[in-house]
Amino acid sequence: VATCIESLRLLEEAVLSAQRCDDAALLTETAVAVHQVALPLLHPEFSKLVHRPLALAAAALEAVDSPLSELRAQLHAELARCELRSQYLHKARAQLAKCLALDVADEAAQQRLDRVLRPLAERLTLRAEVWSEPEGLEQRAVLRLERALGTVDSKLRKAALTEAVALLDEAPLLKEGDADASRERALLWSELLGACWKDRLSALTRRCAMRLLAWPVDAASEARVGRAQAEAHFAL
């Protein structure tokens, strides 16, 4: 992790130098490198560390009108996620709009992107209507999590997280073979685990960790889920 963070710092300087040189090829290369180095750090606790380099990379590719539309969309999607975690809803919407405006020609690439954008758009909608009550148990659990993340009152956070865990426990089983939904459910357990761990809610933390480790996801092909399950092992 420390190596990735230091590499990102150096790459930030490289992006700025390439901008001063007005070298489109160098800008593109450094932006690609930023994204590759940032991949292991795309986790809530590192949001503040990766935000600036990702923003520089996205701006650099936008400035030269890069044809790497999938990469540009991925950068804007991750920036939207960072802004959402920091409670900047208008900035998150702006990044999501930039992502959606890009034309990703490859169908497989667009499907990969859709798997990221769909839950992100749902989170933005829930956050904008934070006091409404969605119908599905999983959506209601997400709403409680968003409420917990949006308050500084420890008692309110504990209450919201307790409700979120209970609701997700009661959520209906997913359809067999729905890999996207299964991944999102596992990552939601991971987010709840992180929030409970941060507030030192040991019983809820263990409960989330056990649910996450029992979730039938192919961690070998899902890097984010694999990292989440490793953290769950550590929490136990």
C-alpha atoms as a PDB file:
ATOM      1  CA  VAL A   1       0.000   0.000   0.000  1.00  0.00           C
ATOM      2  CA  ALA A   2       2.759   2.428   0.921  1.00  0.00           C
ATOM      3  CA  THR A   3       4.472   1.738  -2.407  1.00  0.00           C
ATOM      4  CA  CYS A   4       1.274   2.458  -4.344  1.00  0.00           C
ATOM      5  CA  ILE A   5       0.717   5.698  -2.430  1.00  0.00           C
ATOM      6  CA  GLU A   6       4.251   6.892  -3.107  1.00  0.00           C
ATOM      7  CA  SER A   7       3.962   5.891  -6.764  1.00  0.00           C
ATOM      8  CA  LEU A   8       0.744   7.896  -7.079  1.00  0.00           C
ATOM      9  CA  ARG A   9       2.476  10.935  -5.602  1.00  0.00           C
ATOM     10  CA  LEU A  10       5.228  10.679  -8.199  1.00  0.00           C
ATOM     11  CA  LEU A  11       2.720  10.118 -10.990  1.00  0.00           C
ATOM     12  CA  GLU A  12       0.839  13.272  -9.951  1.00  0.00           C
ATOM     13  CA  GLU A  13       4.041  15.223 -10.612  1.00  0.00           C
ATOM     14  CA  ALA A  14       4.465  13.396 -13.925  1.00  0.00           C
ATOM     15  CA  VAL A  15       0.950  14.363 -15.048  1.00  0.00           C
ATOM     16  CA  LEU A  16       1.568  18.013 -14.154  1.00  0.00           C
ATOM     17  CA  SER A  17       4.911  17.964 -15.991  1.00  0.00           C
ATOM     18  CA  ALA A  18       3.287  16.438 -19.084  1.00  0.00           C
ATOM     19  CA  GLN A  19       0.621  19.161 -18.992  1.00  0.00           C
ATOM     20  CA  ARG A  20       3.293  21.866 -18.911  1.00  0.00           C
ATOM     21  CA  CYS A  21       5.056  20.214 -21.854  1.00  0.00           C
ATOM     22  CA  ASP A  22       1.756  19.994 -23.748  1.00  0.00           C
ATOM     23  CA  ASP A  23       2.637  16.406 -24.699  1.00  0.00           C
ATOM     24  CA  ALA A  24      -0.580  14.464 -25.442  1.00  0.00           C
ATOM     25  CA  ALA A  25       1.159  11.087 -25.717  1.00  0.00           C
ATOM     26  CA  LEU A  26       2.944  11.534 -22.392  1.00  0.00           C
ATOM     27  CA  LEU A  27      -0.260  12.757 -20.742  1.00  0.00           C
ATOM     28  CA  THR A  28      -2.080   9.643 -21.904  1.00  0.00           C
ATOM     29  CA  GLU A  29       0.678   7.317 -20.690  1.00  0.00           C
ATOM     30  CA  THR A  30       0.832   8.904 -17.247  1.00  0.00           C
ATOM     31  CA  ALA A  31      -2.971   8.912 -16.907  1.00  0.00           C
ATOM     32  CA  VAL A  32      -3.076   5.193 -17.738  1.00  0.00           C
ATOM     33  CA  ALA A  33      -0.323   4.574 -15.164  1.00  0.00           C
ATOM     34  CA  VAL A  34      -2.246   6.525 -12.509  1.00  0.00           C
ATOM     35  CA  HIS A  35      -5.294   4.324 -13.012  1.00  0.00           C
ATOM     36  CA  GLN A  36      -3.287   1.102 -12.886  1.00  0.00           C
ATOM     37  CA  VAL A  37      -1.449   2.100  -9.702  1.00  0.00           C
ATOM     38  CA  ALA A  38      -4.666   3.344  -8.061  1.00  0.00           C
ATOM     39  CA  LEU A  39      -6.565   0.076  -8.620  1.00  0.00           C
ATOM     40  CA  PRO A  40      -5.373  -1.596  -5.369  1.00  0.00           C
ATOM     41  CA  LEU A  41      -6.375   1.567  -3.460  1.00  0.00           C
ATOM     42  CA  LEU A  42      -9.979   1.795  -4.689  1.00  0.00           C
ATOM     43  CA  HIS A  43     -11.332   1.275  -1.218  1.00  0.00           C
ATOM     44  CA  PRO A  44     -13.300   3.657   1.046  1.00  0.00           C
ATOM     45  CA  GLU A  45     -10.423   4.222   3.470  1.00  0.00           C
ATOM     46  CA  PHE A  46      -8.139   5.390   0.644  1.00  0.00           C
ATOM     47  CA  SER A  47     -10.640   7.671  -1.114  1.00  0.00           C
ATOM     48  CA  LYS A  48      -8.907  10.882  -0.070  1.00  0.00           C
ATOM     49  CA  LEU A  49      -5.529   9.551  -1.207  1.00  0.00           C
ATOM     50  CA  VAL A  50      -6.629   8.514  -4.696  1.00  0.00           C
ATOM     51  CA  HIS A  51      -9.018  11.391  -5.434  1.00  0.00           C
ATOM     52  CA  ARG A  52      -6.462  13.988  -6.572  1.00  0.00           C
ATOM     53  CA  PRO A  53      -4.403  11.689  -8.854  1.00  0.00           C
ATOM     54  CA  LEU A  54      -7.578  10.238 -10.400  1.00  0.00           C
ATOM     55  CA  ALA A  55      -8.951  13.750 -10.957  1.00  0.00           C
ATOM     56  CA  LEU A  56      -5.697  14.841 -12.604  1.00  0.00           C
ATOM     57  CA  ALA A  57      -5.705  11.772 -14.851  1.00  0.00           C
ATOM     58  CA  ALA A  58      -9.340  12.303 -15.866  1.00  0.00           C
ATOM     59  CA  ALA A  59      -8.747  15.984 -16.596  1.00  0.00           C
ATOM     60  CA  ALA A  60      -5.616  15.185 -18.605  1.00  0.00           C
ATOM     61  CA  LEU A  61      -7.427  12.696 -20.828  1.00  0.00           C
ATOM     62  CA  GLU A  62     -10.344  15.088 -21.231  1.00  0.00           C
ATOM     63  CA  ALA A  63      -7.997  17.931 -22.200  1.00  0.00           C
ATOM     64  CA  VAL A  64      -6.498  15.947 -25.089  1.00  0.00           C
ATOM     65  CA  ASP A  65      -9.883  14.423 -26.018  1.00  0.00           C
ATOM     66  CA  SER A  66      -8.423  10.960 -25.575  1.00  0.00           C
ATOM     67  CA  PRO A  67     -10.110   8.112 -27.502  1.00  0.00           C
ATOM     68  CA  LEU A  68      -9.658   5.859 -24.436  1.00  0.00           C
ATOM     69  CA  SER A  69     -13.332   6.234 -23.574  1.00  0.00           C
ATOM     70  CA  GLU A  70     -13.551   3.168 -21.317  1.00  0.00           C
ATOM     71  CA  LEU A  71     -10.637   4.340 -19.169  1.00  0.00           C
ATOM     72  CA  ARG A  72     -12.041   7.866 -19.004  1.00  0.00           C
ATOM     73  CA  ALA A  73     -15.437   6.515 -17.964  1.00  0.00           C
ATOM     74  CA  GLN A  74     -13.839   4.347 -15.278  1.00  0.00           C
ATOM     75  CA  LEU A  75     -11.956   7.343 -13.898  1.00  0.00           C
ATOM     76  CA  HIS A  76     -15.103   9.472 -13.738  1.00  0.00           C
ATOM     77  CA  ALA A  77     -17.019   6.608 -12.102  1.00  0.00           C
ATOM     78  CA  GLU A  78     -14.380   6.222  -9.392  1.00  0.00           C
ATOM     79  CA  LEU A  79     -14.332   9.987  -8.859  1.00  0.00           C
ATOM     80  CA  ALA A  80     -18.119   9.949  -8.479  1.00  0.00           C
ATOM     81  CA  ARG A  81     -17.751   7.236  -5.859  1.00  0.00           C
ATOM     82  CA  CYS A  82     -15.124   9.301  -3.995  1.00  0.00           C
ATOM     83  CA  GLU A  83     -17.326  12.402  -4.046  1.00  0.00           C
ATOM     84  CA  LEU A  84     -20.302  10.397  -2.800  1.00  0.00           C
ATOM     85  CA  ARG A  85     -18.282   9.065   0.134  1.00  0.00           C
ATOM     86  CA  SER A  86     -17.300  12.649   0.979  1.00  0.00           C
ATOM     87  CA  GLN A  87     -20.970  13.744   0.902  1.00  0.00           C
ATOM     88  CA  TYR A  88     -20.469  15.989  -2.175  1.00  0.00           C
ATOM     89  CA  LEU A  89     -23.597  14.928  -4.043  1.00  0.00           C
ATOM     90  CA  HIS A  90     -23.476  17.646  -6.715  1.00  0.00           C
ATOM     91  CA  LYS A  91     -19.871  16.768  -7.549  1.00  0.00           C
ATOM     92  CA  ALA A  92     -20.737  13.069  -7.652  1.00  0.00           C
ATOM     93  CA  ARG A  93     -23.597  13.776 -10.077  1.00  0.00           C
ATOM     94  CA  ALA A  94     -21.283  15.889 -12.255  1.00  0.00           C
ATOM     95  CA  GLN A  95     -18.735  13.057 -12.474  1.00  0.00           C
ATOM     96  CA  LEU A  96     -21.458  10.520 -13.217  1.00  0.00           C
ATOM     97  CA  ALA A  97     -22.803  12.777 -15.979  1.00  0.00           C
ATOM     98  CA  LYS A  98     -19.329  12.985 -17.556  1.00  0.00           C
ATOM     99  CA  CYS A  99     -19.085   9.206 -17.389  1.00  0.00           C
ATOM    100  CA  LEU A 100     -22.452   8.685 -19.054  1.00  0.00           C
ATOM    101  CA  ALA A 101     -21.638  11.225 -21.773  1.00  0.00           C
ATOM    102  CA  LEU A 102     -18.737   9.127 -23.037  1.00  0.00           C
ATOM    103  CA  ASP A 103     -19.366   6.759 -25.933  1.00  0.00           C
ATOM    104  CA  VAL A 104     -17.886   3.357 -25.102  1.00  0.00           C
ATOM    105  CA  ALA A 105     -18.079   1.489 -28.398  1.00  0.00           C
ATOM    106  CA  ASP A 106     -17.072  -1.962 -27.178  1.00  0.00           C
ATOM    107  CA  GLU A 107     -20.162  -3.807 -25.933  1.00  0.00           C
ATOM    108  CA  ALA A 108     -18.282  -5.919 -23.392  1.00  0.00           C
ATOM    109  CA  ALA A 109     -16.597  -2.809 -22.007  1.00  0.00           C
ATOM    110  CA  GLN A 110     -19.954  -1.052 -21.722  1.00  0.00           C
ATOM    111  CA  GLN A 111     -21.386  -4.013 -19.811  1.00  0.00           C
ATOM    112  CA  ARG A 112     -18.445  -3.898 -17.391  1.00  0.00           C
ATOM    113  CA  LEU A 113     -19.039  -0.199 -16.923  1.00  0.00           C
ATOM    114  CA  ASP A 114     -22.776  -0.671 -16.401  1.00  0.00           C
ATOM    115  CA  ARG A 115     -22.031  -3.044 -13.529  1.00  0.00           C
ATOM    116  CA  VAL A 116     -20.289  -0.133 -11.791  1.00  0.00           C
ATOM    117  CA  LEU A 117     -22.677   2.649 -12.793  1.00  0.00           C
ATOM    118  CA  ARG A 118     -25.961   0.979 -11.872  1.00  0.00           C
ATOM    119  CA  PRO A 119     -25.303   0.676  -8.119  1.00  0.00           C
ATOM    120  CA  LEU A 120     -23.601   4.082  -8.110  1.00  0.00           C
ATOM    121  CA  ALA A 121     -26.650   5.751  -9.665  1.00  0.00           C
ATOM    122  CA  GLU A 122     -28.898   3.948  -7.166  1.00  0.00           C
ATOM    123  CA  ARG A 123     -26.762   5.228  -4.284  1.00  0.00           C
ATOM    124  CA  LEU A 124     -27.023   8.781  -5.571  1.00  0.00           C
ATOM    125  CA  THR A 125     -30.787   8.476  -5.860  1.00  0.00           C
ATOM    126  CA  LEU A 126     -31.080   7.076  -2.342  1.00  0.00           C
ATOM    127  CA  ARG A 127     -28.825   9.784  -0.926  1.00  0.00           C
ATOM    128  CA  ALA A 128     -30.861  12.498  -2.633  1.00  0.00           C
ATOM    129  CA  GLU A 129     -34.063  11.043  -1.142  1.00  0.00           C
ATOM    130  CA  VAL A 130     -32.520  10.002   2.145  1.00  0.00           C
ATOM    131  CA  TRP A 131     -35.721  10.277   4.155  1.00  0.00           C
ATOM    132  CA  SER A 132     -37.889   8.311   1.734  1.00  0.00           C
ATOM    133  CA  GLU A 133     -38.377   4.586   2.226  1.00  0.00           C
ATOM    134  CA  PRO A 134     -37.617   2.242  -0.696  1.00  0.00           C
ATOM    135  CA  GLU A 135     -39.498  -1.031  -1.031  1.00  0.00           C
ATOM    136  CA  GLY A 136     -36.714  -3.634  -1.248  1.00  0.00           C
ATOM    137  CA  LEU A 137     -34.943  -4.814   1.909  1.00  0.00           C
ATOM    138  CA  GLU A 138     -31.504  -4.468   0.297  1.00  0.00           C
ATOM    139  CA  GLN A 139     -32.285  -0.888  -0.812  1.00  0.00           C
ATOM    140  CA  ARG A 140     -33.534  -0.108   2.688  1.00  0.00           C
ATOM    141  CA  ALA A 141     -30.281  -1.480   4.112  1.00  0.00           C
ATOM    142  CA  VAL A 142     -28.326   0.768   1.746  1.00  0.00           C
ATOM    143  CA  LEU A 143     -30.396   3.737   2.891  1.00  0.00           C
ATOM    144  CA  ARG A 144     -29.628   2.995   6.559  1.00  0.00           C
ATOM    145  CA  LEU A 145     -25.936   2.726   5.693  1.00  0.00           C
ATOM    146  CA  GLU A 146     -26.056   6.092   3.924  1.00  0.00           C
ATOM    147  CA  ARG A 147     -27.750   7.630   6.944  1.00  0.00           C
ATOM    148  CA  ALA A 148     -25.048   6.210   9.208  1.00  0.00           C
ATOM    149  CA  LEU A 149     -22.295   7.592   6.992  1.00  0.00           C
ATOM    150  CA  GLY A 150     -23.986  10.975   6.881  1.00  0.00           C
ATOM    151  CA  THR A 151     -24.207  11.629  10.622  1.00  0.00           C
ATOM    152  CA  VAL A 152     -21.613  12.495  13.278  1.00  0.00           C
ATOM    153  CA  ASP A 153     -23.807  11.281  16.151  1.00  0.00           C
ATOM    154  CA  SER A 154     -22.405   7.924  17.303  1.00  0.00           C
ATOM    155  CA  LYS A 155     -25.735   6.746  18.755  1.00  0.00           C
ATOM    156  CA  LEU A 156     -27.561   7.472  15.490  1.00  0.00           C
ATOM    157  CA  ARG A 157     -24.815   5.711  13.528  1.00  0.00           C
ATOM    158  CA  LYS A 158     -25.069   2.627  15.724  1.00  0.00           C
ATOM    159  CA  ALA A 159     -28.844   2.540  15.380  1.00  0.00           C
ATOM    160  CA  ALA A 160     -28.705   2.956  11.604  1.00  0.00           C
ATOM    161  CA  LEU A 161     -25.996   0.309  11.192  1.00  0.00           C
ATOM    162  CA  THR A 162     -27.884  -2.137  13.415  1.00  0.00           C
ATOM    163  CA  GLU A 163     -30.980  -1.677  11.257  1.00  0.00           C
ATOM    164  CA  ALA A 164     -28.950  -1.995   8.057  1.00  0.00           C
ATOM    165  CA  VAL A 165     -27.409  -5.314   9.112  1.00  0.00           C
ATOM    166  CA  ALA A 166     -30.785  -6.680  10.209  1.00  0.00           C
ATOM    167  CA  LEU A 167     -32.450  -5.639   6.941  1.00  0.00           C
ATOM    168  CA  LEU A 168     -29.718  -7.152   4.790  1.00  0.00           C
ATOM    169  CA  ASP A 169     -29.934 -10.365   6.796  1.00  0.00           C
ATOM    170  CA  GLU A 170     -33.634 -10.527   5.941  1.00  0.00           C
ATOM    171  CA  ALA A 171     -33.179  -9.688   2.250  1.00  0.00           C
ATOM    172  CA  PRO A 172     -34.423 -12.455  -0.077  1.00  0.00           C
ATOM    173  CA  LEU A 173     -31.982 -14.850  -1.673  1.00  0.00           C
ATOM    174  CA  LEU A 174     -30.672 -13.762  -5.066  1.00  0.00           C
ATOM    175  CA  LYS A 175     -31.396 -15.640  -8.257  1.00  0.00           C
ATOM    176  CA  GLU A 176     -28.862 -18.362  -8.947  1.00  0.00           C
ATOM    177  CA  GLY A 177     -26.325 -17.290 -11.559  1.00  0.00           C
ATOM    178  CA  ASP A 178     -26.834 -13.528 -11.090  1.00  0.00           C
ATOM    179  CA  ALA A 179     -23.154 -12.709 -10.652  1.00  0.00           C
ATOM    180  CA  ASP A 180     -23.624  -8.927 -10.717  1.00  0.00           C
ATOM    181  CA  ALA A 181     -26.224  -8.904  -7.965  1.00  0.00           C
ATOM    182  CA  SER A 182     -24.186 -11.380  -5.924  1.00  0.00           C
ATOM    183  CA  ARG A 183     -21.092  -9.188  -6.169  1.00  0.00           C
ATOM    184  CA  GLU A 184     -23.013  -6.060  -5.163  1.00  0.00           C
ATOM    185  CA  ARG A 185     -24.563  -7.853  -2.167  1.00  0.00           C
ATOM    186  CA  ALA A 186     -21.108  -9.015  -1.044  1.00  0.00           C
ATOM    187  CA  LEU A 187     -19.669  -5.512  -1.434  1.00  0.00           C
ATOM    188  CA  LEU A 188     -22.563  -4.092   0.575  1.00  0.00           C
ATOM    189  CA  TRP A 189     -21.691  -6.480   3.390  1.00  0.00           C
ATOM    190  CA  SER A 190     -18.114  -5.243   3.044  1.00  0.00           C
ATOM    191  CA  GLU A 191     -19.181  -1.608   3.373  1.00  0.00           C
ATOM    192  CA  LEU A 192     -21.229  -2.423   6.448  1.00  0.00           C
ATOM    193  CA  LEU A 193     -18.253  -4.301   7.874  1.00  0.00           C
ATOM    194  CA  GLY A 194     -16.012  -1.270   7.374  1.00  0.00           C
ATOM    195  CA  ALA A 195     -18.511   1.118   8.954  1.00  0.00           C
ATOM    196  CA  CYS A 196     -19.069  -1.146  11.967  1.00  0.00           C
ATOM    197  CA  TRP A 197     -15.345  -1.724  12.389  1.00  0.00           C
ATOM    198  CA  LYS A 198     -14.677   2.026  12.313  1.00  0.00           C
ATOM    199  CA  ASP A 199     -17.222   2.588  15.095  1.00  0.00           C
ATOM    200  CA  ARG A 200     -15.861  -0.409  17.075  1.00  0.00           C
ATOM    201  CA  LEU A 201     -19.189  -2.213  17.018  1.00  0.00           C
ATOM    202  CA  SER A 202     -17.639  -5.625  17.590  1.00  0.00           C
ATOM    203  CA  ALA A 203     -20.788  -7.776  17.471  1.00  0.00           C
ATOM    204  CA  LEU A 204     -22.019  -6.177  14.248  1.00  0.00           C
ATOM    205  CA  THR A 205     -18.510  -6.345  12.763  1.00  0.00           C
ATOM    206  CA  ARG A 206     -18.282 -10.094  13.376  1.00  0.00           C
ATOM    207  CA  ARG A 207     -21.767 -10.614  11.999  1.00  0.00           C
ATOM    208  CA  CYS A 208     -20.917  -8.753   8.784  1.00  0.00           C
ATOM    209  CA  ALA A 209     -17.604 -10.595   8.462  1.00  0.00           C
ATOM    210  CA  MET A 210     -19.276 -13.994   8.797  1.00  0.00           C
ATOM    211  CA  ARG A 211     -21.923 -13.101   6.206  1.00  0.00           C
ATOM    212  CA  LEU A 212     -19.285 -11.842   3.806  1.00  0.00           C
ATOM    213  CA  LEU A 213     -17.085 -14.917   4.157  1.00  0.00           C
ATOM    214  CA  ALA A 214     -20.074 -17.206   3.635  1.00  0.00           C
ATOM    215  CA  TRP A 215     -21.167 -15.392   0.495  1.00  0.00           C
ATOM    216  CA  PRO A 216     -20.859 -17.587  -2.649  1.00  0.00           C
ATOM    217  CA  VAL A 217     -18.737 -15.299  -4.838  1.00  0.00           C
ATOM    218  CA  ASP A 218     -15.789 -16.385  -6.961  1.00  0.00           C
ATOM    219  CA  ALA A 219     -13.166 -14.257  -5.220  1.00  0.00           C
ATOM    220  CA  ALA A 220     -10.503 -15.357  -7.699  1.00  0.00           C
ATOM    221  CA  SER A 221     -12.299 -13.541 -10.527  1.00  0.00           C
ATOM    222  CA  GLU A 222     -13.632 -10.684  -8.368  1.00  0.00           C
ATOM    223  CA  ALA A 223     -10.650  -8.745  -7.046  1.00  0.00           C
ATOM    224  CA  ARG A 224     -12.708  -6.341  -4.933  1.00  0.00           C
ATOM    225  CA  VAL A 225     -14.630  -9.176  -3.304  1.00  0.00           C
ATOM    226  CA  GLY A 226     -11.373 -11.040  -2.693  1.00  0.00           C
ATOM    227  CA  ARG A 227      -9.918  -8.030  -0.862  1.00  0.00           C
ATOM    228  CA  ALA A 228     -13.155  -7.610   1.097  1.00  0.00           C
ATOM    229  CA  GLN A 229     -13.101 -11.228   2.229  1.00  0.00           C
ATOM    230  CA  ALA A 230      -9.454 -10.893   3.283  1.00  0.00           C
ATOM    231  CA  GLU A 231     -10.482  -7.935   5.455  1.00  0.00           C
ATOM    232  CA  ALA A 232     -13.323 -10.015   6.881  1.00  0.00           C
ATOM    233  CA  HIS A 233     -10.812 -12.687   7.933  1.00  0.00           C
ATOM    234  CA  PHE A 234      -8.785  -9.978   9.667  1.00  0.00           C
ATOM    235  CA  ALA A 235     -11.889  -8.610  11.434  1.00  0.00           C
ATOM    236  CA  LEU A 236     -12.616 -12.033  12.901  1.00  0.00           C
END
